[in-house]
């Protein structure tokens, strides 16, 4: 009889630990103690922090405008996510943080964003502040010298951070996870907000 009572108690405790959390395709970072905020400048010269996007789902990606494949693919995927969200697409804020401030001037960043979605913003900072930001976001980037001083490339992490409408870090979407998967995760975040 005591064994049955113990078993019932254990089952009760285990079920109390397994909350009815949404099942995301992306990596759930809810409660992470990093990547909580930023202070950057957008391609229009305006200072921005996460608070500026309250009420929106923020998808933040680190890259550079001369990236031959990962960055344009990620940006096109985000455009597709916005379309898949339908009317909720207006609640999505795409942010592109450059890791190449030397070549990615505000004018270049603005033109680059114009290729994808006029509501998405490109953000930049000084090389010194970028180093600290990358460390806080656990983002890797490194300049790879080319045959000429301006033909270098930038190795960099290739995933997106997703924040809920209260500006809390919630998900990390790996590169190539696909627009339908990301859109489904964002719909879950919007539903549970």
N, C-alpha and C. Protein backbone atom coordinates (compact mmCIF):
# COMPACT_ATOMS: atom_id res chain seq x y z
N UNK A 1 0.83 -1.19 0.00
CA UNK A 1 0.00 0.00 0.00
C UNK A 1 0.87 1.25 0.00
N UNK A 2 1.95 1.25 0.77
CA UNK A 2 2.84 2.41 0.83
C UNK A 2 3.51 2.64 -0.52
N UNK A 3 3.82 1.56 -1.25
CA UNK A 3 4.45 1.69 -2.57
C UNK A 3 3.50 2.37 -3.55
N UNK A 4 2.22 2.05 -3.48
CA UNK A 4 1.24 2.67 -4.37
C UNK A 4 1.11 4.17 -4.07
N UNK A 5 1.14 4.53 -2.79
CA UNK A 5 1.06 5.94 -2.41
C UNK A 5 2.30 6.68 -2.89
N UNK A 6 3.46 6.06 -2.74
CA UNK A 6 4.71 6.66 -3.19
C UNK A 6 4.68 6.86 -4.71
N UNK A 7 4.21 5.83 -5.43
CA UNK A 7 4.14 5.92 -6.88
C UNK A 7 3.21 7.05 -7.31
N UNK A 8 2.06 7.19 -6.65
CA UNK A 8 1.12 8.27 -6.95
C UNK A 8 1.77 9.62 -6.70
N UNK A 9 2.52 9.74 -5.61
CA UNK A 9 3.20 11.01 -5.30
C UNK A 9 4.25 11.35 -6.34
N UNK A 10 5.02 10.36 -6.76
CA UNK A 10 6.06 10.58 -7.77
C UNK A 10 5.43 11.01 -9.10
N UNK A 11 4.37 10.32 -9.51
CA UNK A 11 3.69 10.66 -10.76
C UNK A 11 3.15 12.08 -10.67
N UNK A 12 2.57 12.45 -9.54
CA UNK A 12 2.06 13.80 -9.35
C UNK A 12 3.15 14.84 -9.45
N UNK A 13 4.30 14.57 -8.84
CA UNK A 13 5.43 15.51 -8.90
C UNK A 13 5.96 15.66 -10.32
N UNK A 14 6.07 14.53 -11.03
CA UNK A 14 6.58 14.58 -12.39
C UNK A 14 5.63 15.34 -13.30
N UNK A 15 4.32 15.13 -13.13
CA UNK A 15 3.40 15.87 -13.99
C UNK A 15 3.39 17.34 -13.64
N UNK A 16 3.67 17.71 -12.41
CA UNK A 16 3.73 19.12 -12.04
C UNK A 16 4.93 19.79 -12.70
N UNK A 17 5.99 19.00 -12.95
CA UNK A 17 7.20 19.54 -13.58
C UNK A 17 7.03 19.71 -15.08
N UNK A 18 6.12 18.98 -15.68
CA UNK A 18 5.96 19.06 -17.13
C UNK A 18 4.79 19.98 -17.46
N UNK A 19 5.10 21.27 -17.47
CA UNK A 19 4.08 22.27 -17.78
C UNK A 19 3.61 22.10 -19.22
N UNK A 20 2.48 22.64 -19.52
CA UNK A 20 1.97 22.63 -20.89
C UNK A 20 2.59 23.77 -21.68
N UNK A 21 3.87 23.64 -21.98
CA UNK A 21 4.58 24.66 -22.74
C UNK A 21 4.33 24.44 -24.22
N UNK A 22 4.38 25.52 -25.01
CA UNK A 22 4.26 25.35 -26.46
C UNK A 22 5.43 24.52 -26.98
N UNK A 23 5.19 23.74 -28.01
CA UNK A 23 6.23 22.93 -28.64
C UNK A 23 6.77 23.69 -29.85
N UNK A 24 7.94 24.28 -29.68
CA UNK A 24 8.56 25.07 -30.73
C UNK A 24 9.47 24.19 -31.59
N UNK A 25 9.62 24.57 -32.85
CA UNK A 25 10.60 23.92 -33.72
C UNK A 25 12.00 24.46 -33.43
N UNK A 26 12.07 25.77 -33.14
CA UNK A 26 13.35 26.41 -32.82
C UNK A 26 13.77 26.04 -31.41
N UNK A 27 14.99 26.39 -31.07
CA UNK A 27 15.52 26.12 -29.73
C UNK A 27 14.89 27.10 -28.75
N UNK A 28 14.27 26.58 -27.70
CA UNK A 28 13.60 27.40 -26.71
C UNK A 28 14.64 27.98 -25.75
N UNK A 29 14.76 29.30 -25.75
CA UNK A 29 15.72 30.00 -24.89
C UNK A 29 15.03 30.77 -23.77
N UNK A 30 13.76 30.50 -23.55
CA UNK A 30 13.00 31.21 -22.53
C UNK A 30 13.75 31.18 -21.20
N UNK A 31 13.96 32.35 -20.63
CA UNK A 31 14.65 32.45 -19.35
C UNK A 31 16.17 32.58 -19.48
N UNK A 32 16.70 32.63 -20.69
CA UNK A 32 18.16 32.76 -20.89
C UNK A 32 18.64 34.05 -20.24
N UNK A 33 19.87 34.02 -19.73
CA UNK A 33 20.43 35.19 -19.05
C UNK A 33 21.40 35.97 -19.94
N UNK A 34 21.22 35.87 -21.23
CA UNK A 34 22.05 36.64 -22.17
C UNK A 34 21.15 37.17 -23.29
N UNK A 35 21.71 38.03 -24.13
CA UNK A 35 20.99 38.62 -25.26
C UNK A 35 19.67 39.26 -24.83
N UNK A 36 19.74 39.99 -23.72
CA UNK A 36 18.52 40.60 -23.17
C UNK A 36 18.16 41.94 -23.79
N UNK A 37 19.15 42.66 -24.32
CA UNK A 37 18.87 43.96 -24.91
C UNK A 37 20.08 44.41 -25.72
N UNK A 38 19.93 45.50 -26.40
CA UNK A 38 21.00 46.09 -27.19
C UNK A 38 20.78 47.59 -27.27
N UNK A 39 21.83 48.30 -27.61
CA UNK A 39 21.75 49.74 -27.90
C UNK A 39 22.53 49.94 -29.19
N UNK A 40 21.79 50.04 -30.30
CA UNK A 40 22.39 50.14 -31.62
C UNK A 40 21.77 51.31 -32.37
N UNK A 41 22.32 51.61 -33.55
CA UNK A 41 21.79 52.67 -34.39
C UNK A 41 21.22 52.03 -35.65
N UNK A 42 20.03 52.49 -36.08
CA UNK A 42 19.46 51.90 -37.29
C UNK A 42 19.98 52.62 -38.53
N UNK A 43 19.65 52.08 -39.70
CA UNK A 43 20.18 52.64 -40.95
C UNK A 43 19.64 54.04 -41.26
N UNK A 44 18.68 54.51 -40.47
CA UNK A 44 18.19 55.89 -40.60
C UNK A 44 18.87 56.83 -39.60
N UNK A 45 19.83 56.30 -38.82
CA UNK A 45 20.55 57.11 -37.85
C UNK A 45 19.86 57.24 -36.51
N UNK A 46 18.81 56.44 -36.27
CA UNK A 46 18.05 56.51 -35.02
C UNK A 46 18.55 55.47 -34.02
N UNK A 47 18.74 55.85 -32.75
CA UNK A 47 19.13 54.86 -31.74
C UNK A 47 17.96 53.90 -31.49
N UNK A 48 18.30 52.62 -31.28
CA UNK A 48 17.27 51.60 -31.06
C UNK A 48 17.68 50.65 -29.93
N UNK A 49 16.67 50.26 -29.15
CA UNK A 49 16.80 49.20 -28.15
C UNK A 49 15.59 48.29 -28.33
N UNK A 50 15.54 47.20 -27.62
CA UNK A 50 14.38 46.30 -27.72
C UNK A 50 13.07 46.99 -27.35
N UNK A 51 13.13 47.93 -26.42
CA UNK A 51 11.92 48.63 -25.99
C UNK A 51 11.22 49.36 -27.15
N UNK A 52 12.00 49.74 -28.16
CA UNK A 52 11.41 50.43 -29.32
C UNK A 52 10.47 49.54 -30.12
N UNK A 53 10.52 48.24 -29.88
CA UNK A 53 9.73 47.30 -30.66
C UNK A 53 8.68 46.58 -29.80
N UNK A 54 8.32 47.18 -28.68
CA UNK A 54 7.31 46.61 -27.79
C UNK A 54 6.03 46.33 -28.58
N UNK A 55 5.44 45.17 -28.33
CA UNK A 55 4.22 44.78 -29.03
C UNK A 55 4.48 44.01 -30.31
N UNK A 56 5.74 43.89 -30.69
CA UNK A 56 6.10 43.16 -31.91
C UNK A 56 6.98 41.95 -31.57
N UNK A 57 6.89 40.95 -32.41
CA UNK A 57 7.84 39.85 -32.36
C UNK A 57 9.08 40.35 -33.10
N UNK A 58 10.24 40.24 -32.48
CA UNK A 58 11.48 40.69 -33.09
C UNK A 58 12.31 39.48 -33.49
N UNK A 59 12.73 39.46 -34.75
CA UNK A 59 13.65 38.44 -35.24
C UNK A 59 14.95 39.16 -35.59
N UNK A 60 16.02 38.79 -34.90
CA UNK A 60 17.31 39.48 -35.01
C UNK A 60 18.37 38.55 -35.57
N UNK A 61 19.06 39.03 -36.60
CA UNK A 61 20.05 38.22 -37.31
C UNK A 61 21.34 39.03 -37.45
N UNK A 62 22.48 38.39 -37.27
CA UNK A 62 23.79 39.04 -37.44
C UNK A 62 24.38 38.62 -38.78
N UNK A 63 24.87 39.59 -39.57
CA UNK A 63 25.46 39.27 -40.85
C UNK A 63 26.12 40.48 -41.47
N UNK A 64 26.26 40.46 -42.80
CA UNK A 64 26.84 41.60 -43.50
C UNK A 64 26.32 41.63 -44.93
N UNK A 65 26.28 42.82 -45.52
CA UNK A 65 25.59 43.00 -46.80
C UNK A 65 26.29 42.33 -47.97
N UNK A 66 27.58 42.09 -47.90
CA UNK A 66 28.28 41.45 -49.01
C UNK A 66 28.35 39.93 -48.87
N UNK A 67 27.63 39.40 -47.91
CA UNK A 67 27.55 37.96 -47.71
C UNK A 67 26.95 37.32 -48.97
N UNK A 68 27.59 36.30 -49.51
CA UNK A 68 27.11 35.75 -50.77
C UNK A 68 25.90 34.81 -50.66
N UNK A 69 25.64 34.24 -49.50
CA UNK A 69 24.56 33.26 -49.45
C UNK A 69 23.73 33.25 -48.17
N UNK A 70 24.34 33.11 -47.01
CA UNK A 70 23.60 32.95 -45.76
C UNK A 70 22.70 34.16 -45.47
N UNK A 71 23.25 35.35 -45.57
CA UNK A 71 22.47 36.56 -45.20
C UNK A 71 21.29 36.82 -46.14
N UNK A 72 21.50 36.82 -47.46
CA UNK A 72 20.33 37.05 -48.31
C UNK A 72 19.29 35.93 -48.18
N UNK A 73 19.74 34.71 -47.99
CA UNK A 73 18.80 33.60 -47.80
C UNK A 73 17.99 33.80 -46.52
N UNK A 74 18.66 34.19 -45.45
CA UNK A 74 17.97 34.43 -44.17
C UNK A 74 16.98 35.58 -44.28
N UNK A 75 17.36 36.63 -44.97
CA UNK A 75 16.47 37.78 -45.12
C UNK A 75 15.25 37.42 -45.98
N UNK A 76 15.47 36.67 -47.06
CA UNK A 76 14.35 36.25 -47.90
C UNK A 76 13.41 35.32 -47.13
N UNK A 77 13.99 34.48 -46.29
CA UNK A 77 13.19 33.59 -45.45
C UNK A 77 12.31 34.42 -44.50
N UNK A 78 12.87 35.49 -43.95
CA UNK A 78 12.11 36.34 -43.04
C UNK A 78 10.97 37.07 -43.77
N UNK A 79 11.21 37.46 -45.01
CA UNK A 79 10.16 38.06 -45.83
C UNK A 79 9.03 37.05 -46.01
N UNK A 80 9.39 35.80 -46.26
CA UNK A 80 8.39 34.75 -46.43
C UNK A 80 7.64 34.49 -45.13
N UNK A 81 8.34 34.53 -44.00
CA UNK A 81 7.69 34.37 -42.70
C UNK A 81 6.61 35.44 -42.53
N UNK A 82 6.96 36.68 -42.86
CA UNK A 82 6.00 37.78 -42.72
C UNK A 82 4.75 37.51 -43.56
N UNK A 83 4.93 37.01 -44.78
CA UNK A 83 3.79 36.69 -45.64
C UNK A 83 2.95 35.56 -45.03
N UNK A 84 3.61 34.54 -44.51
CA UNK A 84 2.90 33.40 -43.93
C UNK A 84 2.10 33.79 -42.69
N UNK A 85 2.51 34.85 -42.02
CA UNK A 85 1.79 35.30 -40.83
C UNK A 85 0.49 36.03 -41.18
N UNK A 86 0.32 36.37 -42.44
CA UNK A 86 -0.90 37.06 -42.85
C UNK A 86 -1.01 38.41 -42.16
N UNK A 87 -2.19 38.68 -41.57
CA UNK A 87 -2.42 39.97 -40.90
C UNK A 87 -1.45 40.18 -39.74
N UNK A 88 -1.01 39.09 -39.10
CA UNK A 88 -0.05 39.22 -38.00
C UNK A 88 1.35 39.58 -38.47
N UNK A 89 1.57 39.59 -39.78
CA UNK A 89 2.87 39.97 -40.32
C UNK A 89 3.26 41.39 -39.92
N UNK A 90 2.27 42.23 -39.67
CA UNK A 90 2.54 43.61 -39.24
C UNK A 90 3.13 43.65 -37.83
N UNK A 91 3.01 42.53 -37.11
CA UNK A 91 3.54 42.45 -35.74
C UNK A 91 4.95 41.86 -35.71
N UNK A 92 5.57 41.71 -36.87
CA UNK A 92 6.91 41.15 -36.98
C UNK A 92 7.90 42.26 -37.30
N UNK A 93 8.98 42.33 -36.54
CA UNK A 93 10.05 43.29 -36.81
C UNK A 93 11.34 42.54 -37.11
N UNK A 94 11.80 42.63 -38.35
CA UNK A 94 13.08 42.03 -38.73
C UNK A 94 14.21 43.00 -38.44
N UNK A 95 15.26 42.51 -37.80
CA UNK A 95 16.45 43.31 -37.50
C UNK A 95 17.69 42.59 -38.02
N UNK A 96 18.51 43.31 -38.77
CA UNK A 96 19.74 42.80 -39.33
C UNK A 96 20.89 43.58 -38.71
N UNK A 97 21.74 42.93 -37.94
CA UNK A 97 22.87 43.59 -37.28
C UNK A 97 24.14 43.29 -38.07
N UNK A 98 24.78 44.34 -38.58
CA UNK A 98 25.98 44.11 -39.38
C UNK A 98 27.20 43.80 -38.50
N UNK A 99 28.00 42.86 -38.99
CA UNK A 99 29.28 42.55 -38.35
C UNK A 99 30.43 43.13 -39.19
N UNK A 100 30.07 44.00 -40.15
CA UNK A 100 31.05 44.59 -41.06
C UNK A 100 30.84 46.10 -41.17
N UNK A 101 31.04 46.79 -40.06
CA UNK A 101 30.82 48.25 -40.04
C UNK A 101 31.74 49.00 -40.99
N UNK A 102 32.86 48.39 -41.35
CA UNK A 102 33.81 49.06 -42.25
C UNK A 102 33.17 49.31 -43.62
N UNK A 103 32.46 48.34 -44.16
CA UNK A 103 31.84 48.50 -45.48
C UNK A 103 30.35 48.80 -45.40
N UNK A 104 29.69 48.34 -44.35
CA UNK A 104 28.24 48.51 -44.23
C UNK A 104 27.89 49.86 -43.61
N UNK A 105 27.97 50.88 -44.43
CA UNK A 105 27.61 52.23 -44.00
C UNK A 105 26.08 52.31 -43.88
N UNK A 106 25.55 53.34 -43.23
CA UNK A 106 24.10 53.47 -43.15
C UNK A 106 23.43 53.47 -44.54
N UNK A 107 24.05 54.11 -45.52
CA UNK A 107 23.48 54.15 -46.87
C UNK A 107 23.43 52.74 -47.48
N UNK A 108 24.50 51.99 -47.32
CA UNK A 108 24.57 50.63 -47.84
C UNK A 108 23.53 49.75 -47.14
N UNK A 109 23.42 49.89 -45.82
CA UNK A 109 22.47 49.10 -45.05
C UNK A 109 21.02 49.41 -45.46
N UNK A 110 20.73 50.70 -45.67
CA UNK A 110 19.38 51.10 -46.06
C UNK A 110 19.02 50.50 -47.42
N UNK A 111 19.95 50.57 -48.36
CA UNK A 111 19.71 50.00 -49.69
C UNK A 111 19.53 48.49 -49.60
N UNK A 112 20.31 47.85 -48.77
CA UNK A 112 20.21 46.39 -48.59
C UNK A 112 18.84 46.00 -48.05
N UNK A 113 18.38 46.70 -47.04
CA UNK A 113 17.06 46.40 -46.47
C UNK A 113 15.96 46.64 -47.49
N UNK A 114 16.14 47.62 -48.36
CA UNK A 114 15.17 47.91 -49.40
C UNK A 114 14.96 46.75 -50.36
N UNK A 115 15.95 45.87 -50.44
CA UNK A 115 15.83 44.68 -51.29
C UNK A 115 14.89 43.63 -50.70
N UNK A 116 14.57 43.77 -49.43
CA UNK A 116 13.81 42.73 -48.75
C UNK A 116 12.46 43.23 -48.26
N UNK A 117 12.44 44.10 -47.29
CA UNK A 117 11.18 44.62 -46.74
C UNK A 117 11.45 46.00 -46.17
N UNK A 118 10.69 46.99 -46.56
CA UNK A 118 10.96 48.36 -46.09
C UNK A 118 10.74 48.55 -44.59
N UNK A 119 10.06 47.61 -43.93
CA UNK A 119 9.85 47.76 -42.48
C UNK A 119 10.98 47.12 -41.68
N UNK A 120 11.81 46.29 -42.31
CA UNK A 120 12.94 45.69 -41.61
C UNK A 120 14.02 46.75 -41.44
N UNK A 121 14.77 46.64 -40.35
CA UNK A 121 15.83 47.61 -40.07
C UNK A 121 17.19 46.93 -39.99
N UNK A 122 18.19 47.63 -40.50
CA UNK A 122 19.58 47.22 -40.33
C UNK A 122 20.15 48.05 -39.20
N UNK A 123 20.94 47.42 -38.35
CA UNK A 123 21.52 48.08 -37.18
C UNK A 123 23.03 47.97 -37.21
N UNK A 124 23.69 48.98 -36.62
CA UNK A 124 25.15 48.97 -36.57
C UNK A 124 25.63 49.64 -35.29
N UNK A 125 26.92 49.44 -35.02
CA UNK A 125 27.58 50.08 -33.89
C UNK A 125 29.07 50.15 -34.20
N UNK A 126 29.84 50.63 -33.26
CA UNK A 126 31.30 50.71 -33.45
C UNK A 126 31.88 49.30 -33.33
N UNK A 127 33.06 49.08 -33.90
CA UNK A 127 33.70 47.77 -33.79
C UNK A 127 33.90 47.32 -32.33
N UNK A 128 34.23 48.26 -31.45
CA UNK A 128 34.45 47.92 -30.04
C UNK A 128 33.14 47.47 -29.37
N UNK A 129 32.07 48.21 -29.62
CA UNK A 129 30.79 47.84 -29.03
C UNK A 129 30.23 46.57 -29.66
N UNK A 130 30.53 46.35 -30.94
CA UNK A 130 30.08 45.12 -31.60
C UNK A 130 30.72 43.90 -30.95
N UNK A 131 31.97 44.02 -30.59
CA UNK A 131 32.67 42.91 -29.93
C UNK A 131 31.96 42.52 -28.63
N UNK A 132 31.59 43.51 -27.83
CA UNK A 132 30.88 43.24 -26.57
C UNK A 132 29.49 42.68 -26.83
N UNK A 133 28.80 43.23 -27.82
CA UNK A 133 27.46 42.75 -28.17
C UNK A 133 27.51 41.30 -28.64
N UNK A 134 28.46 41.00 -29.50
CA UNK A 134 28.60 39.63 -30.00
C UNK A 134 28.87 38.65 -28.86
N UNK A 135 29.68 39.08 -27.91
CA UNK A 135 29.96 38.22 -26.76
C UNK A 135 28.68 37.98 -25.95
N UNK A 136 27.89 39.03 -25.73
CA UNK A 136 26.64 38.90 -24.99
C UNK A 136 25.65 38.01 -25.73
N UNK A 137 25.64 38.08 -27.06
CA UNK A 137 24.71 37.29 -27.87
C UNK A 137 25.27 35.92 -28.25
N UNK A 138 26.49 35.64 -27.84
CA UNK A 138 27.14 34.38 -28.18
C UNK A 138 27.22 34.19 -29.70
N UNK A 139 27.55 35.31 -30.38
CA UNK A 139 27.65 35.31 -31.83
C UNK A 139 29.13 35.32 -32.21
N UNK A 140 29.47 34.51 -33.19
CA UNK A 140 30.83 34.44 -33.71
C UNK A 140 30.91 35.25 -35.00
N UNK A 141 31.98 36.01 -35.16
CA UNK A 141 32.29 36.65 -36.44
C UNK A 141 33.78 36.87 -36.53
N UNK A 142 34.31 36.80 -37.74
CA UNK A 142 35.75 36.99 -37.94
C UNK A 142 36.00 37.42 -39.38
N UNK A 143 36.84 38.41 -39.52
CA UNK A 143 37.23 38.89 -40.85
C UNK A 143 38.19 37.89 -41.48
N UNK A 144 37.93 37.54 -42.75
CA UNK A 144 38.79 36.63 -43.50
C UNK A 144 39.36 37.43 -44.67
N UNK A 145 40.65 37.67 -44.62
CA UNK A 145 41.31 38.51 -45.63
C UNK A 145 41.12 37.95 -47.03
N UNK A 146 40.96 38.88 -47.99
CA UNK A 146 40.84 38.51 -49.40
C UNK A 146 42.10 38.88 -50.16
N UNK A 147 42.02 38.86 -51.48
CA UNK A 147 43.19 39.17 -52.30
C UNK A 147 43.50 40.66 -52.33
N UNK A 148 42.49 41.49 -52.00
CA UNK A 148 42.71 42.93 -51.90
C UNK A 148 42.15 43.39 -50.54
N UNK A 149 42.53 44.58 -50.09
CA UNK A 149 42.05 45.05 -48.79
C UNK A 149 40.53 45.13 -48.65
N UNK A 150 39.82 45.32 -49.76
CA UNK A 150 38.35 45.43 -49.66
C UNK A 150 37.61 44.17 -50.10
N UNK A 151 38.34 43.12 -50.46
CA UNK A 151 37.68 41.90 -50.93
C UNK A 151 37.56 40.83 -49.85
N UNK A 152 37.68 41.24 -48.61
CA UNK A 152 37.57 40.27 -47.52
C UNK A 152 36.14 39.77 -47.36
N UNK A 153 35.99 38.67 -46.64
CA UNK A 153 34.67 38.15 -46.27
C UNK A 153 34.60 38.11 -44.74
N UNK A 154 33.42 37.83 -44.24
CA UNK A 154 33.22 37.74 -42.80
C UNK A 154 32.60 36.38 -42.48
N UNK A 155 33.33 35.56 -41.75
CA UNK A 155 32.72 34.36 -41.20
C UNK A 155 31.81 34.81 -40.06
N UNK A 156 30.64 34.20 -39.92
CA UNK A 156 29.75 34.62 -38.83
C UNK A 156 28.73 33.54 -38.52
N UNK A 157 28.19 33.61 -37.31
CA UNK A 157 27.10 32.73 -36.90
C UNK A 157 25.92 32.94 -37.83
N UNK A 158 25.09 31.92 -37.96
CA UNK A 158 24.00 32.02 -38.94
C UNK A 158 22.68 31.53 -38.36
N UNK A 159 22.23 32.17 -37.33
CA UNK A 159 20.92 31.84 -36.76
C UNK A 159 20.22 33.11 -36.35
N UNK A 160 18.96 33.00 -36.00
CA UNK A 160 18.17 34.18 -35.63
C UNK A 160 17.65 34.08 -34.22
N UNK A 161 17.73 35.19 -33.50
CA UNK A 161 17.14 35.29 -32.17
C UNK A 161 15.72 35.81 -32.32
N UNK A 162 14.79 35.21 -31.59
CA UNK A 162 13.39 35.62 -31.67
C UNK A 162 12.92 36.05 -30.29
N UNK A 163 12.40 37.29 -30.22
CA UNK A 163 11.90 37.88 -28.98
C UNK A 163 10.38 37.95 -29.04
N UNK A 164 9.73 37.78 -27.89
CA UNK A 164 8.28 37.90 -27.84
C UNK A 164 7.89 39.38 -27.82
N UNK A 165 6.59 39.65 -27.74
CA UNK A 165 6.10 41.03 -27.82
C UNK A 165 6.45 41.87 -26.60
N UNK A 166 6.91 41.22 -25.52
CA UNK A 166 7.36 41.96 -24.34
C UNK A 166 8.87 42.19 -24.35
N UNK A 167 9.53 41.78 -25.44
CA UNK A 167 10.98 41.97 -25.55
C UNK A 167 11.80 40.94 -24.81
N UNK A 168 11.22 39.79 -24.52
CA UNK A 168 11.96 38.72 -23.84
C UNK A 168 12.46 37.72 -24.88
N UNK A 169 13.72 37.34 -24.74
CA UNK A 169 14.31 36.34 -25.63
C UNK A 169 13.59 35.02 -25.44
N UNK A 170 13.12 34.44 -26.53
CA UNK A 170 12.37 33.19 -26.45
C UNK A 170 12.96 32.05 -27.26
N UNK A 171 13.45 32.35 -28.49
CA UNK A 171 13.86 31.27 -29.38
C UNK A 171 15.13 31.59 -30.14
N UNK A 172 15.80 30.52 -30.57
CA UNK A 172 16.92 30.64 -31.49
C UNK A 172 16.61 29.72 -32.67
N UNK A 173 16.42 30.32 -33.84
CA UNK A 173 16.13 29.55 -35.05
C UNK A 173 17.43 29.32 -35.81
N UNK A 174 17.76 28.07 -36.03
CA UNK A 174 18.97 27.74 -36.78
C UNK A 174 18.81 28.14 -38.24
N UNK A 175 19.93 28.46 -38.86
CA UNK A 175 19.94 28.79 -40.28
C UNK A 175 19.35 27.63 -41.08
N UNK A 176 18.46 27.97 -42.00
CA UNK A 176 17.89 26.95 -42.87
C UNK A 176 16.71 26.20 -42.29
N UNK A 177 16.19 26.65 -41.15
CA UNK A 177 15.07 25.94 -40.53
C UNK A 177 13.79 26.10 -41.34
N UNK A 178 13.73 27.08 -42.21
CA UNK A 178 12.60 27.26 -43.11
C UNK A 178 11.56 28.23 -42.60
N UNK A 179 10.98 28.95 -43.53
CA UNK A 179 9.97 29.95 -43.20
C UNK A 179 8.73 29.34 -42.55
N UNK A 180 8.20 28.20 -43.04
CA UNK A 180 7.00 27.65 -42.40
C UNK A 180 7.22 27.31 -40.92
N UNK A 181 8.38 26.77 -40.60
CA UNK A 181 8.71 26.42 -39.22
C UNK A 181 8.79 27.67 -38.34
N UNK A 182 9.50 28.70 -38.84
CA UNK A 182 9.63 29.93 -38.06
C UNK A 182 8.28 30.62 -37.90
N UNK A 183 7.48 30.64 -38.96
CA UNK A 183 6.16 31.26 -38.89
C UNK A 183 5.28 30.55 -37.87
N UNK A 184 5.35 29.22 -37.83
CA UNK A 184 4.56 28.45 -36.86
C UNK A 184 4.98 28.79 -35.43
N UNK A 185 6.29 28.91 -35.20
CA UNK A 185 6.78 29.28 -33.87
C UNK A 185 6.32 30.67 -33.48
N UNK A 186 6.36 31.60 -34.41
CA UNK A 186 5.93 32.98 -34.13
C UNK A 186 4.43 33.02 -33.84
N UNK A 187 3.66 32.23 -34.56
CA UNK A 187 2.23 32.16 -34.29
C UNK A 187 1.97 31.65 -32.88
N UNK A 188 2.77 30.67 -32.44
CA UNK A 188 2.63 30.17 -31.06
C UNK A 188 2.95 31.27 -30.05
N UNK A 189 4.01 32.04 -30.32
CA UNK A 189 4.37 33.14 -29.41
C UNK A 189 3.25 34.18 -29.37
N UNK A 190 2.70 34.52 -30.49
CA UNK A 190 1.62 35.50 -30.54
C UNK A 190 0.37 34.98 -29.82
N UNK A 191 0.10 33.71 -29.98
CA UNK A 191 -1.08 33.09 -29.34
C UNK A 191 -0.94 33.09 -27.82
N UNK A 192 0.29 32.88 -27.34
CA UNK A 192 0.51 32.76 -25.90
C UNK A 192 0.87 34.09 -25.24
N UNK A 193 0.88 35.18 -26.00
CA UNK A 193 1.21 36.49 -25.43
C UNK A 193 0.02 37.10 -24.72
